Amino acid sequence: MKIKLLAALTGGFLLAGAAFAQDSDIVASIEADMVAVEGSTFSMGSFGNETNETPVHEVSLDDFYMLSTEVTQSQYKAVMEVNFSRFRGADRPVEEVSWYDAVVFCNKLSMLAGYVPVYSLDGSTNPDEWGDIPRIDAKDEDKARWNSITWNEDADGYRLPTEAEWEFAAKGGIKEEEDPIYSGSDVITDVAWNADTPDGETHDVAGKLPNALGLYDMSGNVWEWVWDWYGNYHTVDNSNPKGADADVTGRKMRRGGSIKSDAVFCRNANRASSVPELRGVDLGFRIVRNADDDFLAGNADETESEDADDELPAVESEDEDSESDAEVAEVSSVVIVPETEDEDTPLISIDLDDEGNLVMDVDEDQALDSFEIER
């Protein structure tokens, strides 16, 4: 099977397939790093520490997925196309991000993945329609508008965890038989980069031991934004709690401590908060999604395998129509623009190699921006 492309001798050639591949890579890598957290009822808060950690109360949570690491700089840049982190490194956690930045990331990633975006502002789920993200010096009315962001609890897209989801996961969920002080250990150096770290910088994610759920850096490295507005705990109506109303304190919760935190602030139960427009060198986040039954039942891999098997006959079939359909599928991500009338237009050929991969043969000295498919 061969596909021929006629390309025009003009400047600036771009294959949408390249962008599509990049989007697919980031979506796939994040999906692969999501951990299933089986919901349950647990005791949230602590005795004898900070007063805002009391009263200890029972909270019931549904199942959810959580990213095994804090969102990295490479992941953030792939989605947002920017990275303002101070301590640079592709696998270091992204920092210098506000709560608003984190929410925008969640919706953009959801759109790339084909999920229903969770968050909405002024009736729109597309962050490109929300306007500029407020910073510390933004007008109060702009901040108030962004503080009105709502959450569609039925949407299947990516989002920030609630404070309760975060603490439950940090404690190891139902897989942790003990109640460690930090996420995965009573010894902070086992699981966290914090103020005891000599260099005072963030480190690559997953550089310390995970907790019982396989989650890394829930203690230390960077503080992690969560959904909730800061407020006192309640002892009633605690099924999937989502925090206080926005007008109570005007501050969003952050959890887990950071490279600048003493050990006491890296405890699983510790609570801290900041205004949502704040960006800092130790402020990051991780993401979650509502769980689906197939994933938790362990059927995800089987489903993917069945889907792959279903596609094989279309490629291998001797039926002429089926083979034609397969050809169309191979080039479906390429943008086709009007062809040139130039008779000297060079010929590009794309072949399938022995492993079924597309291989392009083109004169690298030519600049291209339009082409047509010829069968």
Protein backbone atom coordinates (compact mmCIF):
# COMPACT_ATOMS: atom_id res chain seq x y z
CA MET A 1 0.00 0.00 0.00
CA LYS A 2 1.41 3.42 -0.96
CA ILE A 3 0.00 6.90 -0.50
CA LYS A 4 1.35 9.73 -2.67
CA LEU A 5 1.33 13.38 -1.61
CA LEU A 6 1.87 16.34 -3.94
CA ALA A 7 3.50 19.21 -2.04
CA ALA A 8 3.72 22.89 -3.00
CA LEU A 9 7.02 24.84 -3.06
CA THR A 10 6.07 27.50 -0.48
CA GLY A 11 7.12 28.25 3.10
CA GLY A 12 5.85 26.88 6.40
CA PHE A 13 4.68 23.27 6.27
CA LEU A 14 2.83 21.85 9.29
CA LEU A 15 1.35 18.42 9.82
CA ALA A 16 -1.51 18.38 12.27
CA GLY A 17 -0.47 14.80 12.89
CA ALA A 18 2.58 16.04 14.83
CA ALA A 19 0.46 18.11 17.19
CA PHE A 20 -2.04 15.28 17.47
CA ALA A 21 0.72 12.85 18.38
CA GLN A 22 2.03 15.19 21.08
CA ASP A 23 -1.45 15.61 22.57
CA SER A 24 -1.97 11.86 22.46
CA ASP A 25 1.36 11.27 24.21
CA ILE A 26 0.59 13.57 27.15
CA VAL A 27 -2.92 12.16 27.52
CA ALA A 28 -1.64 8.58 27.42
CA SER A 29 1.19 9.22 29.87
CA ILE A 30 -1.11 10.82 32.42
CA GLU A 31 -3.73 8.10 32.01
CA ALA A 32 -1.06 5.49 32.65
CA ASP A 33 -0.04 7.20 35.90
CA MET A 34 -3.54 7.44 37.38
CA VAL A 35 -4.05 5.31 40.49
CA ALA A 36 -7.43 3.86 41.43
CA VAL A 37 -8.42 4.91 44.95
CA GLU A 38 -11.26 2.85 46.33
CA GLY A 39 -13.57 4.99 48.42
CA SER A 40 -14.50 4.30 52.01
CA THR A 41 -15.25 6.01 55.33
CA PHE A 42 -12.29 7.34 57.31
CA SER A 43 -11.45 9.62 60.23
CA MET A 44 -10.38 13.04 58.97
CA GLY A 45 -8.39 15.48 61.09
CA SER A 46 -6.17 15.00 64.12
CA PHE A 47 -6.04 15.39 67.89
CA GLY A 48 -3.51 17.53 69.73
CA ASN A 49 -2.05 19.41 66.78
CA GLU A 50 -3.39 22.52 65.00
CA THR A 51 -6.85 23.65 66.09
CA ASN A 52 -8.04 23.80 62.49
CA GLU A 53 -7.49 20.04 62.24
CA THR A 54 -10.28 19.41 64.73
CA PRO A 55 -12.74 17.97 65.33
CA VAL A 56 -11.76 14.54 64.07
CA HIS A 57 -14.80 13.44 62.10
CA GLU A 58 -16.00 10.62 59.88
CA VAL A 59 -16.00 11.27 56.12
CA SER A 60 -17.31 8.97 53.38
CA LEU A 61 -15.87 9.16 49.88
CA ASP A 62 -16.69 7.64 46.50
CA ASP A 63 -14.06 5.96 44.34
CA PHE A 64 -11.74 8.17 42.32
CA TYR A 65 -8.50 8.17 40.32
CA MET A 66 -5.49 10.20 41.45
CA LEU A 67 -2.29 11.00 39.58
CA SER A 68 0.56 9.09 41.22
CA THR A 69 2.78 12.19 41.21
CA GLU A 70 2.46 15.92 41.34
CA VAL A 71 1.95 17.39 37.87
CA THR A 72 5.40 17.73 36.34
CA GLN A 73 6.81 20.63 34.37
CA SER A 74 6.86 18.60 31.16
CA GLN A 75 3.20 17.64 31.60
CA TYR A 76 2.19 21.20 32.42
CA LYS A 77 4.03 22.69 29.45
CA ALA A 78 2.58 20.11 27.06
CA VAL A 79 -0.91 21.28 27.99
CA MET A 80 -0.43 24.98 28.82
CA GLU A 81 2.51 25.72 26.47
CA VAL A 82 4.25 27.70 29.25
CA ASN A 83 6.34 26.87 32.31
CA PHE A 84 7.17 29.59 34.84
CA SER A 85 8.74 27.26 37.39
CA ARG A 86 11.81 28.54 39.21
CA PHE A 87 13.48 25.18 39.78
CA ARG A 88 13.60 23.89 36.23
CA GLY A 89 13.47 20.22 35.32
CA ALA A 90 11.13 18.23 33.09
CA ASP A 91 10.36 15.71 35.84
CA ARG A 92 10.29 18.17 38.70
CA PRO A 93 6.87 19.27 39.91
CA VAL A 94 5.53 22.39 38.27
CA GLU A 95 5.46 25.36 40.63
CA GLU A 96 4.68 29.05 40.44
CA VAL A 97 1.10 28.05 39.62
CA SER A 98 -1.99 29.56 41.19
CA TRP A 99 -5.22 27.74 41.98
CA TYR A 100 -6.65 29.39 38.86
CA ASP A 101 -3.77 28.02 36.76
CA ALA A 102 -4.45 24.52 38.07
CA VAL A 103 -8.13 24.71 37.19
CA VAL A 104 -7.34 25.90 33.66
CA PHE A 105 -4.88 23.02 33.25
CA CYS A 106 -7.55 20.53 34.33
CA ASN A 107 -10.07 21.71 31.75
CA LYS A 108 -7.52 21.93 28.93
CA LEU A 109 -6.27 18.43 29.65
CA SER A 110 -9.85 17.14 29.76
CA MET A 111 -10.51 18.66 26.33
CA LEU A 112 -7.36 17.04 24.90
CA ALA A 113 -8.41 13.69 26.34
CA GLY A 114 -11.97 13.90 25.04
CA TYR A 115 -13.52 14.11 28.50
CA VAL A 116 -16.24 16.49 29.66
CA PRO A 117 -14.46 19.44 31.35
CA VAL A 118 -15.32 19.76 35.02
CA TYR A 119 -15.08 23.50 35.60
CA SER A 120 -17.20 26.30 34.21
CA LEU A 121 -16.93 30.10 34.27
CA ASP A 122 -19.72 32.31 32.97
CA GLY A 123 -21.35 29.22 31.45
CA SER A 124 -18.27 28.18 29.45
CA THR A 125 -16.00 25.18 30.03
CA ASN A 126 -13.39 26.42 27.53
CA PRO A 127 -10.63 28.29 29.41
CA ASP A 128 -9.73 30.16 26.22
CA GLU A 129 -13.02 32.03 26.68
CA TRP A 130 -12.41 32.94 30.32
CA GLY A 131 -9.98 35.81 29.75
CA ASP A 132 -6.66 36.48 31.46
CA ILE A 133 -5.88 34.51 34.59
CA PRO A 134 -5.87 36.94 37.56
CA ARG A 135 -2.64 37.55 39.39
CA ILE A 136 -2.02 39.11 42.81
CA ASP A 137 -2.31 42.64 41.42
CA ALA A 138 -5.51 41.94 39.44
CA LYS A 139 -8.67 43.94 40.09
CA ASP A 140 -10.93 42.65 42.84
CA GLU A 141 -13.81 42.26 40.39
CA ASP A 142 -11.67 40.01 38.16
CA LYS A 143 -10.73 37.82 41.10
CA ALA A 144 -14.36 37.70 42.25
CA ARG A 145 -15.40 36.55 38.78
CA TRP A 146 -12.83 33.74 38.74
CA ASN A 147 -13.82 32.80 42.27
CA SER A 148 -17.28 32.00 40.90
CA ILE A 149 -15.92 28.99 38.94
CA THR A 150 -18.31 26.08 39.37
CA TRP A 151 -17.79 22.31 39.35
CA ASN A 152 -19.94 19.89 37.37
CA GLU A 153 -19.80 16.84 39.62
CA ASP A 154 -21.12 14.57 36.86
CA ALA A 155 -18.36 15.47 34.40
CA ASP A 156 -15.71 12.82 33.76
CA GLY A 157 -12.81 15.19 33.18
CA TYR A 158 -9.76 16.00 35.25
CA ARG A 159 -10.05 18.12 38.37
CA LEU A 160 -8.40 19.02 41.64
CA PRO A 161 -9.02 16.65 44.54
CA THR A 162 -11.18 17.76 47.41
CA GLU A 163 -9.43 18.25 50.72
CA ALA A 164 -11.06 15.06 52.00
CA GLU A 165 -9.99 13.05 48.94
CA TRP A 166 -6.47 14.37 49.32
CA GLU A 167 -6.16 13.44 53.02
CA PHE A 168 -7.71 10.01 52.48
CA ALA A 169 -5.25 9.29 49.65
CA ALA A 170 -2.31 10.69 51.61
CA LYS A 171 -3.13 8.31 54.45
CA GLY A 172 -3.02 5.40 52.00
CA GLY A 173 -6.76 4.83 51.66
CA ILE A 174 -8.01 1.38 52.55
CA LYS A 175 -4.61 -0.14 51.74
CA GLU A 176 -2.85 1.42 54.74
CA GLU A 177 -3.26 -0.59 57.94
CA GLU A 178 -1.30 1.88 60.09
CA ASP A 179 -1.83 5.63 60.43
CA PRO A 180 1.57 7.12 59.55
CA ILE A 181 2.30 10.75 60.37
CA TYR A 182 3.48 11.48 56.84
CA SER A 183 2.28 9.97 53.60
CA GLY A 184 3.77 6.49 53.70
CA SER A 185 5.99 6.66 56.77
CA ASP A 186 6.55 8.05 60.27
CA VAL A 187 10.04 9.03 59.11
CA ILE A 188 9.83 12.12 56.95
CA THR A 189 13.12 11.58 55.12
CA ASP A 190 11.73 8.31 53.74
CA VAL A 191 8.95 10.00 51.81
CA ALA A 192 9.48 13.77 51.56
CA TRP A 193 11.70 16.54 50.30
CA ASN A 194 11.19 19.29 52.86
CA ALA A 195 13.07 22.00 54.77
CA ASP A 196 15.54 19.37 55.97
CA THR A 197 16.73 18.96 52.35
CA PRO A 198 20.09 20.81 52.08
CA ASP A 199 19.73 22.31 48.60
CA GLY A 200 16.30 23.89 49.21
CA GLU A 201 15.11 22.99 45.71
CA THR A 202 12.35 20.81 44.37
CA HIS A 203 13.35 17.36 43.15
CA ASP A 204 12.16 15.00 40.43
CA VAL A 205 8.86 13.43 41.36
CA ALA A 206 8.83 9.86 42.66
CA GLY A 207 12.31 10.20 44.12
CA LYS A 208 11.20 9.03 47.57
CA LEU A 209 9.17 6.05 48.73
CA PRO A 210 5.46 5.90 47.77
CA ASN A 211 2.63 5.39 50.21
CA ALA A 212 0.45 2.28 50.35
CA LEU A 213 -1.55 3.41 47.31
CA GLY A 214 1.55 3.99 45.19
CA LEU A 215 1.32 7.79 45.45
CA TYR A 216 4.54 9.80 45.61
CA ASP A 217 5.37 13.15 47.20
CA MET A 218 2.07 13.58 49.02
CA SER A 219 4.34 14.92 51.75
CA GLY A 220 6.84 17.59 50.72
CA ASN A 221 8.32 18.76 47.40
CA VAL A 222 5.51 21.26 46.64
CA TRP A 223 2.28 22.23 48.34
CA GLU A 224 -0.71 20.88 46.41
CA TRP A 225 -3.79 22.95 45.66
CA VAL A 226 -7.13 21.28 46.32
CA TRP A 227 -10.66 22.33 45.40
CA ASP A 228 -11.98 23.48 48.80
CA TRP A 229 -12.34 26.94 50.18
CA TYR A 230 -10.86 27.14 53.65
CA GLY A 231 -13.24 26.78 56.58
CA ASN A 232 -13.83 24.90 59.79
CA TYR A 233 -14.59 21.19 59.71
CA HIS A 234 -18.20 20.05 60.13
CA THR A 235 -19.33 16.90 61.88
CA VAL A 236 -22.51 16.37 59.86
CA ASP A 237 -23.33 15.79 56.19
CA ASN A 238 -19.85 14.49 55.41
CA SER A 239 -20.45 12.38 52.34
CA ASN A 240 -17.99 13.66 49.70
CA PRO A 241 -17.57 17.07 51.41
CA LYS A 242 -16.38 19.96 49.26
CA GLY A 243 -15.39 22.59 51.78
CA ALA A 244 -16.72 25.93 52.89
CA ASP A 245 -18.49 28.58 50.86
CA ALA A 246 -16.27 31.05 49.02
CA ASP A 247 -17.32 34.03 51.14
CA VAL A 248 -16.11 32.54 54.43
CA THR A 249 -12.36 33.21 54.09
CA GLY A 250 -11.58 33.84 50.42
CA ARG A 251 -8.72 31.33 50.65
CA LYS A 252 -8.21 27.98 48.93
CA MET A 253 -6.77 24.95 50.69
CA ARG A 254 -3.31 23.58 49.96
CA ARG A 255 -1.96 20.34 51.39
CA GLY A 256 1.19 18.30 51.96
CA GLY A 257 3.94 20.78 52.76
CA SER A 258 6.91 21.57 50.55
CA ILE A 259 10.67 21.96 50.30
CA LYS A 260 10.31 25.03 52.53
CA SER A 261 8.22 23.29 55.19
CA ASP A 262 9.24 21.93 58.54
CA ALA A 263 8.14 18.37 59.16
CA VAL A 264 5.06 19.40 61.15
CA PHE A 265 3.58 21.01 58.03
CA CYS A 266 4.11 17.86 55.95
CA ARG A 267 1.81 15.74 58.12
CA ASN A 268 -1.15 14.07 56.44
CA ALA A 269 -3.61 16.04 58.58
CA ASN A 270 -1.98 19.46 58.29
CA ARG A 271 -4.10 22.20 56.73
CA ALA A 272 -2.92 25.41 55.08
CA SER A 273 -4.52 27.95 52.76
CA SER A 274 -3.72 30.82 50.42
CA VAL A 275 -5.57 33.23 48.18
CA PRO A 276 -6.28 31.44 44.86
CA GLU A 277 -4.33 33.95 42.78
CA LEU A 278 -1.07 33.27 44.64
CA ARG A 279 1.86 31.75 42.77
CA GLY A 280 4.94 30.53 44.60
CA VAL A 281 8.13 28.51 44.15
CA ASP A 282 6.66 25.75 46.31
CA LEU A 283 3.06 25.76 45.06
CA GLY A 284 1.96 22.98 42.70
CA PHE A 285 -0.85 20.46 42.38
CA ARG A 286 -1.92 16.96 41.35
CA ILE A 287 -5.11 15.89 39.62
CA VAL A 288 -7.92 13.38 40.01
CA ARG A 289 -10.89 12.08 38.04
CA ASN A 290 -14.17 10.49 39.02
CA ALA A 291 -13.71 6.72 38.89
CA ASP A 292 -15.51 4.41 36.49
CA ASP A 293 -16.59 0.87 37.37
CA ASP A 294 -14.63 -0.78 34.55
CA PHE A 295 -11.32 0.61 35.76
CA LEU A 296 -11.83 -0.36 39.38
CA ALA A 297 -13.00 -3.82 38.34
CA GLY A 298 -9.69 -4.29 36.55
CA ASN A 299 -11.30 -4.47 33.12
CA ALA A 300 -9.49 -1.53 31.57
CA ASP A 301 -6.65 -3.59 30.10
CA GLU A 302 -9.07 -6.21 28.78
CA THR A 303 -11.15 -3.51 27.15
CA GLU A 304 -8.11 -1.99 25.46
CA SER A 305 -7.04 -5.43 24.22
CA GLU A 306 -10.50 -6.19 22.86
CA ASP A 307 -10.58 -2.82 21.10
CA ALA A 308 -7.19 -3.52 19.51
CA ASP A 309 -8.32 -6.96 18.37
CA ASP A 310 -11.43 -5.47 16.83
CA GLU A 311 -9.28 -3.19 14.68
CA LEU A 312 -7.00 -5.91 13.28
CA PRO A 313 -9.38 -7.41 10.71
CA ALA A 314 -9.84 -4.03 9.04
CA VAL A 315 -6.09 -3.85 8.35
CA GLU A 316 -5.49 -7.48 7.44
CA SER A 317 -8.70 -8.12 5.52
CA GLU A 318 -8.39 -9.05 1.89
CA ASP A 319 -11.57 -7.17 1.20
CA GLU A 320 -10.76 -4.20 -1.01
CA ASP A 321 -13.16 -1.81 0.72
CA SER A 322 -11.76 -2.67 4.15
CA GLU A 323 -8.22 -1.99 2.97
CA SER A 324 -9.30 1.36 1.58
CA ASP A 325 -10.83 2.28 4.93
CA ALA A 326 -7.57 1.38 6.64
CA GLU A 327 -5.67 3.72 4.33
CA VAL A 328 -7.97 6.60 5.16
CA ALA A 329 -7.53 5.92 8.86
CA GLU A 330 -3.75 6.08 8.56
CA VAL A 331 -3.82 9.68 7.26
CA SER A 332 -6.89 10.96 9.10
CA SER A 333 -4.82 13.27 11.34
CA VAL A 334 -3.14 15.12 8.40
CA VAL A 335 -4.41 18.59 7.50
CA ILE A 336 -5.11 18.82 3.75
CA VAL A 337 -4.99 22.31 2.19
CA PRO A 338 -5.49 23.34 -1.47
CA GLU A 339 -2.87 22.01 -3.88
CA THR A 340 -0.59 24.19 -5.98
CA GLU A 341 -0.84 24.55 -9.72
CA ASP A 342 2.97 24.46 -10.00
CA GLU A 343 3.99 21.73 -12.44
CA ASP A 344 7.36 21.38 -10.66
CA THR A 345 5.69 20.30 -7.43
CA PRO A 346 7.88 17.58 -5.85
CA LEU A 347 6.50 14.14 -5.09
CA ILE A 348 6.40 12.85 -1.51
CA SER A 349 5.73 9.19 -0.91
CA ILE A 350 4.58 7.58 2.32
CA ASP A 351 4.96 3.82 2.68
CA LEU A 352 4.15 1.32 5.38
CA ASP A 353 7.26 -0.43 6.72
CA ASP A 354 7.35 -4.07 7.82
CA GLU A 355 5.98 -3.14 11.25
CA GLY A 356 3.06 -1.15 9.88
CA ASN A 357 4.57 2.31 10.52
CA LEU A 358 4.20 5.16 8.03
CA VAL A 359 7.50 6.30 6.51
CA MET A 360 7.73 9.61 4.61
CA ASP A 361 10.27 10.23 1.84
CA VAL A 362 10.67 13.96 1.02
CA ASP A 363 13.37 16.32 -0.23
CA GLU A 364 14.49 18.14 2.94
CA ASP A 365 15.62 21.16 0.91
CA GLN A 366 12.05 21.94 -0.06
CA ALA A 367 9.74 24.12 2.03
CA LEU A 368 6.18 22.88 2.00
CA ASP A 369 2.76 24.09 3.04
CA SER A 370 0.15 22.32 0.90
CA PHE A 371 -0.46 18.92 -0.56
CA GLU A 372 -3.13 16.51 -1.79
CA ILE A 373 -3.63 12.80 -1.44
CA GLU A 374 -3.41 10.81 -4.69
CA ARG A 375 -4.36 7.10 -4.78
